[in-house]
Each structure stands twice: as C-alpha cells, then as structure tokens.
Amino acid sequence: MKDQIDRANELAEKEREFALAKYRQKQTACVSLTDCEDCDEPIPEERRRFVVGCTRCIDCQQDHEHRLKGYRK
C-alpha cells in the first residue's frame, strides 16, 4: 500500500513541476503586439510595457471582455 501512495505523490509532484515549468515558459514567451488584433490600430507603448502579452488596444479589450460576459453593445 505504501508503494501506491509513494507513486501517487511522485506523479502529483511531477505534474506540479510540469505545470510550473509551462507557466514560466508562457510568461517569458509572451510578447505584446504592436498593433491591435481586432482593429489594427497601434497599441500604445505604455500599455504594451505594463500589460505583458497584450494583443488588443484598450477599447477592443473592453469590448472583448463585455462579449465574454454576455453583454450587448
């Protein structure tokens, strides 16, 4: 019985390490776009610097979040 618990703990630890490694890789790989993916307008440099990985301008991001919540325009 102890062997099964040990194996389960080892598996859980490996899964945690994998998830953390994947998260760290994602954080360093994120690069902000220079132009909004929805309207093709330039994304302000300040927004790109403070919101790492942003792909939309502020207005399009707000519209996108409202659509996700089910709001209508």
Protein backbone atom coordinates (compact mmCIF):
# COMPACT_ATOMS: atom_id res chain seq x y z
CA MET A 1 0.00 0.00 0.00
CA LYS A 2 2.83 2.40 0.77
CA ASP A 3 4.22 1.93 -2.74
CA GLN A 4 0.97 3.12 -4.30
CA ILE A 5 0.89 6.23 -2.15
CA ASP A 6 4.53 6.98 -2.92
CA ARG A 7 3.89 6.61 -6.66
CA ALA A 8 0.82 8.84 -6.45
CA ASN A 9 2.84 11.51 -4.60
CA GLU A 10 5.66 11.31 -7.15
CA LEU A 11 3.18 11.62 -10.02
CA ALA A 12 1.49 14.62 -8.39
CA GLU A 13 4.88 16.28 -7.85
CA LYS A 14 5.91 15.72 -11.47
CA GLU A 15 2.60 17.16 -12.68
CA ARG A 16 3.09 20.22 -10.47
CA GLU A 17 6.63 20.73 -11.74
CA PHE A 18 5.45 20.38 -15.34
CA ALA A 19 2.64 22.90 -14.79
CA LEU A 20 5.04 25.39 -13.18
CA ALA A 21 7.57 24.99 -15.98
CA LYS A 22 4.85 25.53 -18.57
CA TYR A 23 3.63 28.64 -16.72
CA ARG A 24 7.14 30.09 -16.50
CA GLN A 25 7.75 29.42 -20.18
CA LYS A 26 4.48 31.13 -21.08
CA GLN A 27 5.37 34.20 -19.00
CA THR A 28 8.71 34.68 -20.74
CA ALA A 29 7.38 33.86 -24.20
CA CYS A 30 4.60 36.46 -24.14
CA VAL A 31 5.33 39.38 -26.38
CA SER A 32 2.89 42.21 -26.80
CA LEU A 33 1.72 43.01 -30.29
CA THR A 34 2.39 46.47 -31.68
CA ASP A 35 -0.98 46.64 -33.46
CA CYS A 36 -4.40 45.59 -32.13
CA GLU A 37 -5.52 42.21 -33.45
CA ASP A 38 -9.12 43.47 -33.83
CA CYS A 39 -8.88 47.00 -35.23
CA ASP A 40 -5.23 47.12 -36.43
CA GLU A 41 -4.63 50.41 -34.63
CA PRO A 42 -1.27 50.83 -32.84
CA ILE A 43 -1.26 49.73 -29.18
CA PRO A 44 0.28 52.47 -27.00
CA GLU A 45 3.81 51.64 -25.82
CA GLU A 46 2.87 52.24 -22.19
CA ARG A 47 0.11 49.62 -22.39
CA ARG A 48 2.47 47.11 -24.03
CA ARG A 49 5.03 47.71 -21.30
CA PHE A 50 2.61 47.31 -18.37
CA VAL A 51 0.35 44.57 -19.81
CA VAL A 52 2.79 41.92 -20.99
CA GLY A 53 1.33 39.88 -23.82
CA CYS A 54 -1.47 42.28 -24.70
CA THR A 55 -2.93 41.79 -28.15
CA ARG A 56 -5.71 44.41 -28.18
CA CYS A 57 -5.98 48.14 -27.63
CA ILE A 58 -7.89 49.26 -24.54
CA ASP A 59 -11.19 49.84 -26.35
CA CYS A 60 -11.14 46.49 -28.15
CA GLN A 61 -10.12 44.69 -24.95
CA GLN A 62 -13.08 46.21 -23.11
CA ASP A 63 -15.43 45.18 -25.94
CA HIS A 64 -13.94 41.67 -25.91
CA GLU A 65 -14.42 41.33 -22.13
CA HIS A 66 -18.03 42.53 -22.41
CA ARG A 67 -18.73 39.95 -25.13
CA LEU A 68 -17.24 37.22 -22.92
CA LYS A 69 -19.57 38.24 -20.10
CA GLY A 70 -22.55 38.21 -22.47
CA TYR A 71 -23.17 41.94 -22.51
CA ARG A 72 -24.57 43.62 -25.59
CA LYS A 73 -23.33 46.85 -27.05
